[in-house]
Amino acid sequence: MNGLTMKHLRYFEALARIGHFGRAAESCAISQPALSVQIRELEELVGVPLVERGGRRIRLTGLGEEFAERTRAILRSVDELEDLGRAAHGPIAGRLRLGVIPTVAPYLLPDIIKALARHYPGIDPRPREAITQRLIEDLTEAKLDAAIVALPISEPALKEIALFDEEFVLVRPLEDAGKPVPSSDRLHEMRLLLLEEGHCFRDQALSVCNIGASSVRDLMEGSSLSTLVQMVGAGIGVTLIPQMAVDTETRSASVCISSLAEPRPTRTIGMVWRKSNPLSAQFATIAEIVRDTGLKKQA
């Protein structure tokens, strides 16, 4: 298969993942005609069609599906070879693709990037905000180097380090400020506002409130913590948010903040990366920097 290049593989992986020539070309920073030429060239090199064309989205052929799996494995190995070279040169430098969940990113990520710049002047942070499931998928496929998530993750291929615990607080309308704070097991009796399905913080809030799956359909949802807090300020209900979000999300809302009764519900924030990554030792040091940043935020 003379003539096959890494460029062919990276372009094909993008098309297989995105399923659309235009958007895949945009993600690769090339024109759509140029991507089409590269994929045609790859198919000629392989000797069989890899892509079913027609309609707005493409589909992979049976061989195309298998070829995509092999391609992802090759690209992961190549990325890890590059990381091996970086690890041999001491302090981490260059690109750091760091995933962060949405209930952490707005409140901690700016401070993390500043702290990393102080410790590693040569680092080039590439943050990405996404829900936990997407971050774990991207970690597994070597599209991310590490991710900051709520633990546990319990993926055998990933190393996870706990960084700090964080309290959940209750957000109520301002006129409720003088009322007794309900116990966590009574929150299900109130109109509870939650993040949309897919957010790990939603699942944690349901666990705190002892709300089963059969009752979820009766709850109100929002797309972000900011939306939930503003809905509380409008008198629609109550919600739970992490402690790190309080200053940012409540400064312009007519709400009051209360701690729940002991034992107060908490979540554990941690950092995860692939066990096979040669930069594992450097990531452990970065995790310490993230831990210190999070603890300063709580102080």
C-alpha atoms as a PDB file:
ATOM      1  CA  MET A   1       0.000   0.000   0.000  1.00  0.00           C
ATOM      2  CA  ASN A   2       2.681   2.462  -1.115  1.00  0.00           C
ATOM      3  CA  GLY A   3       1.699   6.107  -0.883  1.00  0.00           C
ATOM      4  CA  LEU A   4      -0.457   5.827   2.261  1.00  0.00           C
ATOM      5  CA  THR A   5       0.313   8.739   4.591  1.00  0.00           C
ATOM      6  CA  MET A   6      -0.643   9.936   8.056  1.00  0.00           C
ATOM      7  CA  LYS A   7      -2.525  12.744   6.333  1.00  0.00           C
ATOM      8  CA  HIS A   8      -4.787  10.179   4.653  1.00  0.00           C
ATOM      9  CA  LEU A   9      -5.478   8.529   7.996  1.00  0.00           C
ATOM     10  CA  ARG A  10      -6.189  11.750   9.898  1.00  0.00           C
ATOM     11  CA  TYR A  11      -8.544  13.014   7.193  1.00  0.00           C
ATOM     12  CA  PHE A  12     -10.357   9.676   7.027  1.00  0.00           C
ATOM     13  CA  GLU A  13     -10.677   9.517  10.830  1.00  0.00           C
ATOM     14  CA  ALA A  14     -12.235  12.997  10.851  1.00  0.00           C
ATOM     15  CA  LEU A  15     -14.732  12.033   8.135  1.00  0.00           C
ATOM     16  CA  ALA A  16     -15.605   8.753   9.862  1.00  0.00           C
ATOM     17  CA  ARG A  17     -16.129  10.541  13.176  1.00  0.00           C
ATOM     18  CA  ILE A  18     -18.114  13.521  11.875  1.00  0.00           C
ATOM     19  CA  GLY A  19     -19.997  11.823   9.031  1.00  0.00           C
ATOM     20  CA  HIS A  20     -20.137  14.920   6.819  1.00  0.00           C
ATOM     21  CA  PHE A  21     -17.616  16.072   4.193  1.00  0.00           C
ATOM     22  CA  GLY A  22     -18.119  19.794   4.785  1.00  0.00           C
ATOM     23  CA  ARG A  23     -17.810  19.704   8.565  1.00  0.00           C
ATOM     24  CA  ALA A  24     -14.957  17.188   8.454  1.00  0.00           C
ATOM     25  CA  ALA A  25     -13.075  19.432   6.017  1.00  0.00           C
ATOM     26  CA  GLU A  26     -13.626  22.396   8.340  1.00  0.00           C
ATOM     27  CA  SER A  27     -12.275  20.442  11.328  1.00  0.00           C
ATOM     28  CA  CYS A  28      -9.163  19.569   9.275  1.00  0.00           C
ATOM     29  CA  ALA A  29      -8.745  23.188   8.092  1.00  0.00           C
ATOM     30  CA  ILE A  30      -8.913  22.256   4.409  1.00  0.00           C
ATOM     31  CA  SER A  31     -11.503  22.730   1.672  1.00  0.00           C
ATOM     32  CA  GLN A  32     -14.217  20.176   1.038  1.00  0.00           C
ATOM     33  CA  PRO A  33     -12.936  19.380  -2.497  1.00  0.00           C
ATOM     34  CA  ALA A  34      -9.445  18.802  -1.078  1.00  0.00           C
ATOM     35  CA  LEU A  35     -10.829  16.376   1.514  1.00  0.00           C
ATOM     36  CA  SER A  36     -12.809  14.539  -1.156  1.00  0.00           C
ATOM     37  CA  VAL A  37      -9.640  14.135  -3.234  1.00  0.00           C
ATOM     38  CA  GLN A  38      -7.738  12.735  -0.233  1.00  0.00           C
ATOM     39  CA  ILE A  39     -10.494  10.213   0.565  1.00  0.00           C
ATOM     40  CA  ARG A  40     -10.727   9.110  -3.088  1.00  0.00           C
ATOM     41  CA  GLU A  41      -6.964   8.698  -3.124  1.00  0.00           C
ATOM     42  CA  LEU A  42      -7.111   6.613   0.053  1.00  0.00           C
ATOM     43  CA  GLU A  43      -9.799   4.359  -1.430  1.00  0.00           C
ATOM     44  CA  GLU A  44      -7.668   3.862  -4.535  1.00  0.00           C
ATOM     45  CA  LEU A  45      -4.702   2.929  -2.363  1.00  0.00           C
ATOM     46  CA  VAL A  46      -6.805   0.464  -0.353  1.00  0.00           C
ATOM     47  CA  GLY A  47      -8.494  -0.881  -3.460  1.00  0.00           C
ATOM     48  CA  VAL A  48     -12.073  -0.842  -2.150  1.00  0.00           C
ATOM     49  CA  PRO A  49     -14.712   1.795  -1.272  1.00  0.00           C
ATOM     50  CA  LEU A  50     -14.611   2.949   2.338  1.00  0.00           C
ATOM     51  CA  VAL A  51     -17.425   5.510   2.179  1.00  0.00           C
ATOM     52  CA  GLU A  52     -21.029   5.387   0.930  1.00  0.00           C
ATOM     53  CA  ARG A  53     -21.760   8.752  -0.644  1.00  0.00           C
ATOM     54  CA  GLY A  54     -25.218  10.226  -1.090  1.00  0.00           C
ATOM     55  CA  GLY A  55     -27.546  12.349   0.989  1.00  0.00           C
ATOM     56  CA  ARG A  56     -26.468  14.950   3.492  1.00  0.00           C
ATOM     57  CA  ARG A  57     -24.366  12.544   5.581  1.00  0.00           C
ATOM     58  CA  ILE A  58     -21.953   9.829   4.552  1.00  0.00           C
ATOM     59  CA  ARG A  59     -21.890   6.282   5.820  1.00  0.00           C
ATOM     60  CA  LEU A  60     -18.953   3.938   6.073  1.00  0.00           C
ATOM     61  CA  THR A  61     -18.960   0.630   4.226  1.00  0.00           C
ATOM     62  CA  GLY A  62     -18.426  -2.546   6.220  1.00  0.00           C
ATOM     63  CA  LEU A  63     -14.723  -2.425   5.454  1.00  0.00           C
ATOM     64  CA  GLY A  64     -14.778   1.313   6.117  1.00  0.00           C
ATOM     65  CA  GLU A  65     -15.978   0.665   9.681  1.00  0.00           C
ATOM     66  CA  GLU A  66     -13.136  -1.787  10.317  1.00  0.00           C
ATOM     67  CA  PHE A  67     -10.647   0.543   8.614  1.00  0.00           C
ATOM     68  CA  ALA A  68     -11.803   3.388  10.883  1.00  0.00           C
ATOM     69  CA  GLU A  69     -11.168   1.296  14.022  1.00  0.00           C
ATOM     70  CA  ARG A  70      -7.672   0.380  12.830  1.00  0.00           C
ATOM     71  CA  THR A  71      -7.021   3.996  11.876  1.00  0.00           C
ATOM     72  CA  ARG A  72      -7.949   5.266  15.345  1.00  0.00           C
ATOM     73  CA  ALA A  73      -5.625   2.704  16.939  1.00  0.00           C
ATOM     74  CA  ILE A  74      -2.752   3.793  14.673  1.00  0.00           C
ATOM     75  CA  LEU A  75      -3.325   7.483  15.408  1.00  0.00           C
ATOM     76  CA  ARG A  76      -3.429   6.790  19.165  1.00  0.00           C
ATOM     77  CA  SER A  77      -0.103   4.977  18.918  1.00  0.00           C
ATOM     78  CA  VAL A  78       1.453   7.800  16.912  1.00  0.00           C
ATOM     79  CA  ASP A  79       0.271  10.385  19.436  1.00  0.00           C
ATOM     80  CA  GLU A  80       1.743   8.316  22.257  1.00  0.00           C
ATOM     81  CA  LEU A  81       5.072   8.104  20.413  1.00  0.00           C
ATOM     82  CA  GLU A  82       5.080  11.895  20.230  1.00  0.00           C
ATOM     83  CA  ASP A  83       4.288  12.045  23.949  1.00  0.00           C
ATOM     84  CA  LEU A  84       7.163   9.642  24.636  1.00  0.00           C
ATOM     85  CA  GLY A  85       9.531  12.120  23.031  1.00  0.00           C
ATOM     86  CA  ARG A  86       8.055  14.982  25.047  1.00  0.00           C
ATOM     87  CA  ALA A  87       8.384  12.989  28.272  1.00  0.00           C
ATOM     88  CA  ALA A  88      12.095  12.446  27.635  1.00  0.00           C
ATOM     89  CA  HIS A  89      12.736  16.191  27.622  1.00  0.00           C
ATOM     90  CA  GLY A  90      11.737  16.814  31.250  1.00  0.00           C
ATOM     91  CA  PRO A  91       9.064  19.440  32.096  1.00  0.00           C
ATOM     92  CA  ILE A  92       6.002  19.227  29.920  1.00  0.00           C
ATOM     93  CA  ALA A  93       5.821  21.678  27.013  1.00  0.00           C
ATOM     94  CA  GLY A  94       3.761  22.105  23.881  1.00  0.00           C
ATOM     95  CA  ARG A  95       0.143  21.107  23.402  1.00  0.00           C
ATOM     96  CA  LEU A  96      -1.982  20.004  26.368  1.00  0.00           C
ATOM     97  CA  ARG A  97      -5.491  18.945  25.365  1.00  0.00           C
ATOM     98  CA  LEU A  98      -7.419  19.232  28.608  1.00  0.00           C
ATOM     99  CA  GLY A  99     -11.093  18.345  28.913  1.00  0.00           C
ATOM    100  CA  VAL A 100     -13.253  19.874  31.644  1.00  0.00           C
ATOM    101  CA  ILE A 101     -16.879  19.195  32.591  1.00  0.00           C
ATOM    102  CA  PRO A 102     -19.331  22.138  32.265  1.00  0.00           C
ATOM    103  CA  THR A 103     -19.944  22.404  36.029  1.00  0.00           C
ATOM    104  CA  VAL A 104     -16.227  23.052  36.600  1.00  0.00           C
ATOM    105  CA  ALA A 105     -14.944  24.822  33.472  1.00  0.00           C
ATOM    106  CA  PRO A 106     -16.415  28.344  33.920  1.00  0.00           C
ATOM    107  CA  TYR A 107     -15.358  28.576  37.555  1.00  0.00           C
ATOM    108  CA  LEU A 108     -11.944  26.914  37.712  1.00  0.00           C
ATOM    109  CA  LEU A 109     -10.494  26.681  34.197  1.00  0.00           C
ATOM    110  CA  PRO A 110      -9.204  30.298  33.917  1.00  0.00           C
ATOM    111  CA  ASP A 111      -7.277  29.909  37.189  1.00  0.00           C
ATOM    112  CA  ILE A 112      -5.935  26.513  36.095  1.00  0.00           C
ATOM    113  CA  ILE A 113      -4.607  27.932  32.824  1.00  0.00           C
ATOM    114  CA  LYS A 114      -2.885  30.791  34.663  1.00  0.00           C
ATOM    115  CA  ALA A 115      -1.319  28.377  37.157  1.00  0.00           C
ATOM    116  CA  LEU A 116      -0.086  26.086  34.394  1.00  0.00           C
ATOM    117  CA  ALA A 117       1.469  29.036  32.566  1.00  0.00           C
ATOM    118  CA  ARG A 118       3.375  29.993  35.721  1.00  0.00           C
ATOM    119  CA  HIS A 119       4.750  26.488  36.237  1.00  0.00           C
ATOM    120  CA  TYR A 120       5.251  25.556  32.562  1.00  0.00           C
ATOM    121  CA  PRO A 121       5.956  28.613  30.370  1.00  0.00           C
ATOM    122  CA  GLY A 122       6.264  26.407  27.295  1.00  0.00           C
ATOM    123  CA  ILE A 123       2.874  24.772  27.642  1.00  0.00           C
ATOM    124  CA  ASP A 124       0.097  25.376  25.108  1.00  0.00           C
ATOM    125  CA  PRO A 125      -3.257  24.589  26.797  1.00  0.00           C
ATOM    126  CA  ARG A 126      -6.064  23.427  24.490  1.00  0.00           C
ATOM    127  CA  PRO A 127      -9.102  23.263  26.830  1.00  0.00           C
ATOM    128  CA  ARG A 128     -12.339  21.618  25.822  1.00  0.00           C
ATOM    129  CA  GLU A 129     -15.615  21.752  27.740  1.00  0.00           C
ATOM    130  CA  ALA A 130     -17.952  18.775  27.369  1.00  0.00           C
ATOM    131  CA  ILE A 131     -20.066  16.363  29.387  1.00  0.00           C
ATOM    132  CA  THR A 132     -18.304  13.450  31.067  1.00  0.00           C
ATOM    133  CA  GLN A 133     -19.289  10.773  28.565  1.00  0.00           C
ATOM    134  CA  ARG A 134     -17.876  12.753  25.640  1.00  0.00           C
ATOM    135  CA  LEU A 135     -14.658  13.530  27.512  1.00  0.00           C
ATOM    136  CA  ILE A 136     -14.099   9.861  28.366  1.00  0.00           C
ATOM    137  CA  GLU A 137     -14.721   8.870  24.747  1.00  0.00           C
ATOM    138  CA  ASP A 138     -12.233  11.475  23.539  1.00  0.00           C
ATOM    139  CA  LEU A 139      -9.671  10.389  26.132  1.00  0.00           C
ATOM    140  CA  THR A 140     -10.002   6.771  25.065  1.00  0.00           C
ATOM    141  CA  GLU A 141      -9.565   7.755  21.411  1.00  0.00           C
ATOM    142  CA  ALA A 142      -6.528   9.961  22.240  1.00  0.00           C
ATOM    143  CA  LYS A 143      -8.299  13.168  21.212  1.00  0.00           C
ATOM    144  CA  LEU A 144      -7.620  14.499  24.721  1.00  0.00           C
ATOM    145  CA  ASP A 145      -4.573  14.156  26.950  1.00  0.00           C
ATOM    146  CA  ALA A 146      -6.357  14.469  30.298  1.00  0.00           C
ATOM    147  CA  ALA A 147      -9.700  15.544  31.735  1.00  0.00           C
ATOM    148  CA  ILE A 148     -11.055  17.122  34.914  1.00  0.00           C
ATOM    149  CA  VAL A 149     -14.250  15.338  35.911  1.00  0.00           C
ATOM    150  CA  ALA A 150     -16.326  14.223  38.872  1.00  0.00           C
ATOM    151  CA  LEU A 151     -15.199  10.847  40.214  1.00  0.00           C
ATOM    152  CA  PRO A 152     -15.489   7.936  40.145  1.00  0.00           C
ATOM    153  CA  ILE A 153     -15.101   7.110  36.448  1.00  0.00           C
ATOM    154  CA  SER A 154     -14.055   3.454  36.884  1.00  0.00           C
ATOM    155  CA  GLU A 155     -12.650   2.950  33.381  1.00  0.00           C
ATOM    156  CA  PRO A 156      -9.954   0.229  33.444  1.00  0.00           C
ATOM    157  CA  ALA A 157      -7.823   2.011  30.826  1.00  0.00           C
ATOM    158  CA  LEU A 158      -7.783   5.322  32.709  1.00  0.00           C
ATOM    159  CA  LYS A 159      -5.776   6.527  35.671  1.00  0.00           C
ATOM    160  CA  GLU A 160      -7.827   8.680  38.039  1.00  0.00           C
ATOM    161  CA  ILE A 161      -6.594  10.885  40.867  1.00  0.00           C
ATOM    162  CA  ALA A 162      -8.923  12.554  43.375  1.00  0.00           C
ATOM    163  CA  LEU A 163      -8.150  16.270  43.741  1.00  0.00           C
ATOM    164  CA  PHE A 164     -10.654  17.754  46.208  1.00  0.00           C
ATOM    165  CA  ASP A 165     -14.172  17.379  47.566  1.00  0.00           C
ATOM    166  CA  GLU A 166     -16.752  20.090  47.058  1.00  0.00           C
ATOM    167  CA  GLU A 167     -20.041  20.783  48.821  1.00  0.00           C
ATOM    168  CA  PHE A 168     -23.414  21.073  47.111  1.00  0.00           C
ATOM    169  CA  VAL A 169     -25.438  24.103  48.211  1.00  0.00           C
ATOM    170  CA  LEU A 170     -29.152  24.819  47.980  1.00  0.00           C
ATOM    171  CA  VAL A 171     -30.349  27.784  45.925  1.00  0.00           C
ATOM    172  CA  ARG A 172     -33.781  29.189  46.840  1.00  0.00           C
ATOM    173  CA  PRO A 173     -35.695  32.378  45.943  1.00  0.00           C
ATOM    174  CA  LEU A 174     -34.568  35.374  47.993  1.00  0.00           C
ATOM    175  CA  GLU A 175     -37.878  35.516  49.889  1.00  0.00           C
ATOM    176  CA  ASP A 176     -37.089  32.056  51.330  1.00  0.00           C
ATOM    177  CA  ALA A 177     -33.977  33.362  53.112  1.00  0.00           C
ATOM    178  CA  GLY A 178     -35.596  33.277  56.560  1.00  0.00           C
ATOM    179  CA  LYS A 179     -37.231  29.881  56.171  1.00  0.00           C
ATOM    180  CA  PRO A 180     -35.771  26.656  57.642  1.00  0.00           C
ATOM    181  CA  VAL A 181     -33.469  24.754  55.293  1.00  0.00           C
ATOM    182  CA  PRO A 182     -35.154  21.527  54.176  1.00  0.00           C
ATOM    183  CA  SER A 183     -33.283  18.256  54.580  1.00  0.00           C
ATOM    184  CA  SER A 184     -31.901  16.737  51.398  1.00  0.00           C
ATOM    185  CA  ASP A 185     -34.444  13.899  51.474  1.00  0.00           C
ATOM    186  CA  ARG A 186     -37.269  16.459  51.446  1.00  0.00           C
ATOM    187  CA  LEU A 187     -36.078  18.250  48.316  1.00  0.00           C
ATOM    188  CA  HIS A 188     -38.020  15.826  46.133  1.00  0.00           C
ATOM    189  CA  GLU A 189     -41.191  17.359  47.597  1.00  0.00           C
ATOM    190  CA  MET A 190     -40.212  20.768  46.170  1.00  0.00           C
ATOM    191  CA  ARG A 191     -40.048  21.901  42.551  1.00  0.00           C
ATOM    192  CA  LEU A 192     -36.454  20.914  41.851  1.00  0.00           C
ATOM    193  CA  LEU A 193     -34.652  22.310  38.814  1.00  0.00           C
ATOM    194  CA  LEU A 194     -31.969  20.101  37.262  1.00  0.00           C
ATOM    195  CA  LEU A 195     -29.447  20.141  34.439  1.00  0.00           C
ATOM    196  CA  GLU A 196     -30.411  18.291  31.273  1.00  0.00           C
ATOM    197  CA  GLU A 197     -29.746  14.572  30.954  1.00  0.00           C
ATOM    198  CA  GLY A 198     -26.103  13.736  30.244  1.00  0.00           C
ATOM    199  CA  HIS A 199     -24.620  15.996  32.922  1.00  0.00           C
ATOM    200  CA  CYS A 200     -23.030  14.041  35.787  1.00  0.00           C
ATOM    201  CA  PHE A 201     -24.072  16.806  38.197  1.00  0.00           C
ATOM    202  CA  ARG A 202     -27.695  16.003  37.382  1.00  0.00           C
ATOM    203  CA  ASP A 203     -27.192  12.383  38.447  1.00  0.00           C
ATOM    204  CA  GLN A 204     -25.429  13.484  41.629  1.00  0.00           C
ATOM    205  CA  ALA A 205     -28.276  15.879  42.507  1.00  0.00           C
ATOM    206  CA  LEU A 206     -30.847  13.126  41.981  1.00  0.00           C
ATOM    207  CA  SER A 207     -28.848  10.871  44.286  1.00  0.00           C
ATOM    208  CA  VAL A 208     -28.672  13.567  46.982  1.00  0.00           C
ATOM    209  CA  CYS A 209     -32.435  14.046  46.817  1.00  0.00           C
ATOM    210  CA  ASN A 210     -33.226  10.305  46.700  1.00  0.00           C
ATOM    211  CA  ILE A 211     -35.201  10.801  43.493  1.00  0.00           C
ATOM    212  CA  GLY A 212     -35.768   7.679  41.405  1.00  0.00           C
ATOM    213  CA  ALA A 213     -35.881   7.455  37.627  1.00  0.00           C
ATOM    214  CA  SER A 214     -39.689   7.204  37.629  1.00  0.00           C
ATOM    215  CA  SER A 215     -39.990  10.703  39.131  1.00  0.00           C
ATOM    216  CA  VAL A 216     -37.507  12.479  36.838  1.00  0.00           C
ATOM    217  CA  ARG A 217     -40.076  13.261  34.159  1.00  0.00           C
ATOM    218  CA  ASP A 218     -41.884  15.563  36.590  1.00  0.00           C
ATOM    219  CA  LEU A 219     -38.812  17.751  37.212  1.00  0.00           C
ATOM    220  CA  MET A 220     -37.867  20.931  35.342  1.00  0.00           C
ATOM    221  CA  GLU A 221     -34.597  21.124  33.416  1.00  0.00           C
ATOM    222  CA  GLY A 222     -32.102  23.736  32.257  1.00  0.00           C
ATOM    223  CA  SER A 223     -29.069  23.661  29.998  1.00  0.00           C
ATOM    224  CA  SER A 224     -26.644  25.306  32.422  1.00  0.00           C
ATOM    225  CA  LEU A 225     -26.223  26.202  36.093  1.00  0.00           C
ATOM    226  CA  SER A 226     -26.694  29.840  35.140  1.00  0.00           C
ATOM    227  CA  THR A 227     -30.118  29.066  33.653  1.00  0.00           C
ATOM    228  CA  LEU A 228     -31.143  27.087  36.732  1.00  0.00           C
ATOM    229  CA  VAL A 229     -30.168  29.889  39.135  1.00  0.00           C
ATOM    230  CA  GLN A 230     -32.009  32.517  37.089  1.00  0.00           C
ATOM    231  CA  MET A 231     -35.100  30.280  37.057  1.00  0.00           C
ATOM    232  CA  VAL A 232     -34.883  30.038  40.855  1.00  0.00           C
ATOM    233  CA  GLY A 233     -34.633  33.841  41.031  1.00  0.00           C
ATOM    234  CA  ALA A 234     -37.834  34.036  38.999  1.00  0.00           C
ATOM    235  CA  GLY A 235     -39.600  31.934  41.648  1.00  0.00           C
ATOM    236  CA  ILE A 236     -39.931  28.777  39.550  1.00  0.00           C
ATOM    237  CA  GLY A 237     -38.318  26.384  42.020  1.00  0.00           C
ATOM    238  CA  VAL A 238     -35.098  25.474  43.835  1.00  0.00           C
ATOM    239  CA  THR A 239     -31.841  23.899  42.695  1.00  0.00           C
ATOM    240  CA  LEU A 240     -28.491  22.558  43.838  1.00  0.00           C
ATOM    241  CA  ILE A 241     -25.170  23.946  42.584  1.00  0.00           C
ATOM    242  CA  PRO A 242     -21.526  23.230  43.468  1.00  0.00           C
ATOM    243  CA  GLN A 243     -19.840  25.594  45.908  1.00  0.00           C
ATOM    244  CA  MET A 244     -17.363  26.857  43.271  1.00  0.00           C
ATOM    245  CA  ALA A 245     -20.270  28.201  41.173  1.00  0.00           C
ATOM    246  CA  VAL A 246     -21.837  30.361  43.899  1.00  0.00           C
ATOM    247  CA  ASP A 247     -19.971  33.652  43.371  1.00  0.00           C
ATOM    248  CA  THR A 248     -20.325  33.616  39.587  1.00  0.00           C
ATOM    249  CA  GLU A 249     -23.898  32.405  39.270  1.00  0.00           C
ATOM    250  CA  THR A 250     -25.623  34.258  42.116  1.00  0.00           C
ATOM    251  CA  ARG A 251     -24.192  37.768  41.795  1.00  0.00           C
ATOM    252  CA  SER A 252     -27.044  38.944  39.558  1.00  0.00           C
ATOM    253  CA  ALA A 253     -29.866  36.666  40.738  1.00  0.00           C
ATOM    254  CA  SER A 254     -32.472  37.239  43.457  1.00  0.00           C
ATOM    255  CA  VAL A 255     -31.650  34.070  45.340  1.00  0.00           C
ATOM    256  CA  CYS A 256     -30.355  32.908  48.722  1.00  0.00           C
ATOM    257  CA  ILE A 257     -27.752  30.219  49.350  1.00  0.00           C
ATOM    258  CA  SER A 258     -27.955  27.641  52.129  1.00  0.00           C
ATOM    259  CA  SER A 259     -25.842  24.695  53.202  1.00  0.00           C
ATOM    260  CA  LEU A 260     -27.741  21.464  53.689  1.00  0.00           C
ATOM    261  CA  ALA A 261     -27.736  19.595  56.993  1.00  0.00           C
ATOM    262  CA  GLU A 262     -24.914  17.267  57.990  1.00  0.00           C
ATOM    263  CA  PRO A 263     -23.713  15.054  56.487  1.00  0.00           C
ATOM    264  CA  ARG A 264     -23.526  17.645  53.719  1.00  0.00           C
ATOM    265  CA  PRO A 265     -23.611  16.228  50.198  1.00  0.00           C
ATOM    266  CA  THR A 266     -20.378  16.592  48.244  1.00  0.00           C
ATOM    267  CA  ARG A 267     -18.787  15.555  44.987  1.00  0.00           C
ATOM    268  CA  THR A 268     -15.173  14.567  44.334  1.00  0.00           C
ATOM    269  CA  ILE A 269     -13.384  16.372  41.527  1.00  0.00           C
ATOM    270  CA  GLY A 270     -10.499  14.471  39.961  1.00  0.00           C
ATOM    271  CA  MET A 271      -8.239  14.255  36.952  1.00  0.00           C
ATOM    272  CA  VAL A 272      -8.044  11.276  34.589  1.00  0.00           C
ATOM    273  CA  TRP A 273      -5.768  10.237  31.725  1.00  0.00           C
ATOM    274  CA  ARG A 274      -4.853   7.076  29.820  1.00  0.00           C
ATOM    275  CA  LYS A 275      -2.631   4.706  31.780  1.00  0.00           C
ATOM    276  CA  SER A 276      -0.662   4.060  28.593  1.00  0.00           C
ATOM    277  CA  ASN A 277       0.283   7.723  28.134  1.00  0.00           C
ATOM    278  CA  PRO A 278       4.066   8.233  28.511  1.00  0.00           C
ATOM    279  CA  LEU A 279       3.392  11.623  30.110  1.00  0.00           C
ATOM    280  CA  SER A 280       1.720  10.023  33.131  1.00  0.00           C
ATOM    281  CA  ALA A 281       4.305  11.353  35.594  1.00  0.00           C
ATOM    282  CA  GLN A 282       3.936  14.896  34.226  1.00  0.00           C
ATOM    283  CA  PHE A 283       0.143  14.646  34.410  1.00  0.00           C
ATOM    284  CA  ALA A 284       0.406  13.666  38.085  1.00  0.00           C
ATOM    285  CA  THR A 285       2.316  16.917  38.679  1.00  0.00           C
ATOM    286  CA  ILE A 286      -0.300  18.885  36.737  1.00  0.00           C
ATOM    287  CA  ALA A 287      -2.982  17.231  38.881  1.00  0.00           C
ATOM    288  CA  GLU A 288      -1.272  18.672  41.969  1.00  0.00           C
ATOM    289  CA  ILE A 289      -1.413  22.138  40.399  1.00  0.00           C
ATOM    290  CA  VAL A 290      -5.129  21.676  39.661  1.00  0.00           C
ATOM    291  CA  ARG A 291      -5.682  20.467  43.249  1.00  0.00           C
ATOM    292  CA  ASP A 292      -3.977  23.538  44.690  1.00  0.00           C
ATOM    293  CA  THR A 293      -6.019  25.794  42.391  1.00  0.00           C
ATOM    294  CA  GLY A 294      -9.277  24.151  43.472  1.00  0.00           C
ATOM    295  CA  LEU A 295      -8.458  24.347  47.157  1.00  0.00           C
ATOM    296  CA  LYS A 296      -7.573  28.045  46.852  1.00  0.00           C
ATOM    297  CA  LYS A 297     -10.954  28.578  45.207  1.00  0.00           C
ATOM    298  CA  GLN A 298     -12.641  27.054  48.252  1.00  0.00           C
ATOM    299  CA  ALA A 299     -10.642  29.105  50.769  1.00  0.00           C
END
